[in-house]
Each structure stands twice: as C-alpha cells, then as structure tokens.
C-alpha atoms as a PDB file:
ATOM      1  CA  MET A   1     200.679  58.457 224.027  1.00  0.00           C
ATOM      2  CA  ASN A   2     202.098  56.642 227.295  1.00  0.00           C
ATOM      3  CA  LEU A   3     205.750  57.175 227.702  1.00  0.00           C
ATOM      4  CA  ASN A   4     207.878  54.663 229.509  1.00  0.00           C
ATOM      5  CA  SER A   5     210.535  55.623 232.064  1.00  0.00           C
ATOM      6  CA  LYS A   6     213.408  55.850 229.565  1.00  0.00           C
ATOM      7  CA  GLN A   7     211.360  57.995 227.401  1.00  0.00           C
ATOM      8  CA  MET A   8     210.438  60.271 230.322  1.00  0.00           C
ATOM      9  CA  LYS A   9     214.087  60.615 231.202  1.00  0.00           C
ATOM     10  CA  VAL A  10     214.702  61.977 227.725  1.00  0.00           C
ATOM     11  CA  VAL A  11     211.993  64.276 227.906  1.00  0.00           C
ATOM     12  CA  LYS A  12     212.767  65.756 231.054  1.00  0.00           C
ATOM     13  CA  ALA A  13     216.643  66.099 229.715  1.00  0.00           C
ATOM     14  CA  CYS A  14     215.767  67.792 226.806  1.00  0.00           C
ATOM     15  CA  ALA A  15     213.497  70.146 228.899  1.00  0.00           C
ATOM     16  CA  ALA A  16     216.409  70.861 230.969  1.00  0.00           C
ATOM     17  CA  ILE A  17     218.762  71.436 228.170  1.00  0.00           C
ATOM     18  CA  ILE A  18     216.404  73.712 226.303  1.00  0.00           C
ATOM     19  CA  ALA A  19     216.071  75.676 229.773  1.00  0.00           C
ATOM     20  CA  LEU A  20     219.653  76.096 230.291  1.00  0.00           C
ATOM     21  CA  MET A  21     219.896  77.172 226.684  1.00  0.00           C
ATOM     22  CA  LEU A  22     217.409  79.845 227.583  1.00  0.00           C
ATOM     23  CA  ILE A  23     219.388  80.909 230.562  1.00  0.00           C
ATOM     24  CA  PHE A  24     222.592  80.928 229.024  1.00  0.00           C
ATOM     25  CA  PRO A  25     221.871  82.109 225.256  1.00  0.00           C
ATOM     26  CA  PRO A  26     224.487  83.034 222.823  1.00  0.00           C
ATOM     27  CA  PHE A  27     225.295  86.665 222.236  1.00  0.00           C
ATOM     28  CA  GLU A  28     226.503  88.532 218.952  1.00  0.00           C
ATOM     29  CA  TYR A  29     228.115  91.840 218.377  1.00  0.00           C
ATOM     30  CA  VAL A  30     226.672  93.403 215.415  1.00  0.00           C
ATOM     31  CA  ARG A  31     228.595  96.296 213.387  1.00  0.00           C
ATOM     32  CA  GLY A  32     226.715  97.157 210.242  1.00  0.00           C
ATOM     33  CA  ARG A  33     226.946  94.190 208.215  1.00  0.00           C
ATOM     34  CA  TYR A  34     229.459  92.569 210.304  1.00  0.00           C
ATOM     35  CA  VAL A  35     228.142  90.123 212.943  1.00  0.00           C
ATOM     36  CA  GLU A  36     230.809  88.497 215.373  1.00  0.00           C
ATOM     37  CA  SER A  37     230.099  85.954 218.096  1.00  0.00           C
ATOM     38  CA  ALA A  38     230.295  87.385 221.544  1.00  0.00           C
ATOM     39  CA  GLY A  39     229.839  83.878 223.112  1.00  0.00           C
ATOM     40  CA  TYR A  40     227.328  82.692 225.928  1.00  0.00           C
ATOM     41  CA  SER A  41     226.375  84.686 228.947  1.00  0.00           C
ATOM     42  CA  LEU A  42     223.565  84.826 231.679  1.00  0.00           C
ATOM     43  CA  PHE A  43     220.486  85.956 230.024  1.00  0.00           C
ATOM     44  CA  MET A  44     220.340  89.281 231.751  1.00  0.00           C
ATOM     45  CA  SER A  45     223.918  90.090 231.593  1.00  0.00           C
ATOM     46  CA  ALA A  46     225.309  90.531 228.039  1.00  0.00           C
ATOM     47  CA  PRO A  47     228.956  90.682 227.362  1.00  0.00           C
ATOM     48  CA  HIS A  48     230.193  93.896 227.517  1.00  0.00           C
ATOM     49  CA  ASP A  49     233.392  95.057 225.439  1.00  0.00           C
ATOM     50  CA  GLY A  50     231.950  98.843 225.015  1.00  0.00           C
ATOM     51  CA  ILE A  51     229.932  97.368 222.249  1.00  0.00           C
ATOM     52  CA  THR A  52     226.381  96.433 223.048  1.00  0.00           C
ATOM     53  CA  ALA A  53     225.684  92.490 222.300  1.00  0.00           C
ATOM     54  CA  GLN A  54     222.412  91.073 221.522  1.00  0.00           C
ATOM     55  CA  ILE A  55     221.230  87.647 221.807  1.00  0.00           C
ATOM     56  CA  ALA A  56     221.668  85.596 218.675  1.00  0.00           C
ATOM     57  CA  ILE A  57     218.028  84.381 218.120  1.00  0.00           C
ATOM     58  CA  VAL A  58     218.747  82.442 214.974  1.00  0.00           C
ATOM     59  CA  THR A  59     221.753  80.318 216.527  1.00  0.00           C
ATOM     60  CA  LEU A  60     219.650  79.552 219.711  1.00  0.00           C
ATOM     61  CA  LEU A  61     216.446  78.423 217.791  1.00  0.00           C
ATOM     62  CA  VAL A  62     218.816  76.228 215.463  1.00  0.00           C
ATOM     63  CA  GLN A  63     220.332  74.943 218.793  1.00  0.00           C
ATOM     64  CA  TRP A  64     216.508  74.153 220.327  1.00  0.00           C
ATOM     65  CA  VAL A  65     215.730  72.485 216.978  1.00  0.00           C
ATOM     66  CA  GLY A  66     218.671  70.208 217.259  1.00  0.00           C
ATOM     67  CA  VAL A  67     217.843  69.031 221.063  1.00  0.00           C
ATOM     68  CA  LEU A  68     214.261  68.704 219.746  1.00  0.00           C
ATOM     69  CA  ILE A  69     215.589  66.215 216.939  1.00  0.00           C
ATOM     70  CA  ILE A  70     217.952  64.374 218.918  1.00  0.00           C
ATOM     71  CA  GLY A  71     215.266  64.022 221.706  1.00  0.00           C
ATOM     72  CA  ALA A  72     212.600  62.874 219.344  1.00  0.00           C
ATOM     73  CA  LEU A  73     214.835  60.171 217.786  1.00  0.00           C
ATOM     74  CA  LEU A  74     215.830  58.746 221.403  1.00  0.00           C
ATOM     75  CA  VAL A  75     212.306  58.605 222.311  1.00  0.00           C
ATOM     76  CA  LEU A  76     211.489  56.513 219.257  1.00  0.00           C
ATOM     77  CA  VAL A  77     214.716  54.462 219.954  1.00  0.00           C
ATOM     78  CA  PHE A  78     213.391  54.040 223.480  1.00  0.00           C
ATOM     79  CA  LYS A  79     209.929  53.197 222.253  1.00  0.00           C
ATOM     80  CA  ASP A  80     210.208  49.422 222.814  1.00  0.00           C
ATOM     81  CA  ALA A  81     212.408  49.506 225.780  1.00  0.00           C
ATOM     82  CA  SER A  82     211.356  47.605 228.726  1.00  0.00           C
ATOM     83  CA  GLU A  83     210.684  49.234 232.230  1.00  0.00           C
END
C-alpha cells in the first residue's frame, strides 16, 4: 500500500500520539472494589498520595483504539488527496 504525503503525516502523528500516551499513561487508585482516577503521570513516576497507583490499562487501551480508528479514517479521507 503506497501512502501519499498527507497519509504519511497522519500515520506519523498517530504514532507520536500513541508514544506520548505510553510515556504519560493514566493512573488509578484501587481500594478494594473502589477505583479512583489518579490522573496522568510520567510512566515510571506514578502519583503518590500515600496510596500505590497503578496504570489504568483498560483506559489506555481504549485511548489507543480511539487514536487508531481516527487515524484510519483520516488515512481513508486522504486516500485521493493530491500531493
């Protein structure tokens, strides 16, 4: 599949956004059955409020899927775009 320049820009932008989401993932506090958002933080420095935070994997995966869907739609939109 040959991509034109606009499509390549979309692919590179999506890759950069996904990389940034990996570097600054969402965190959550889990207390028994109660889950509370802890915000976003650098990958190796989870937020500390006296409680251990963990990466919100499901939230992160949903965000990645959203970026991939939007990116795929944009690649299709720019399919016939001239250089």
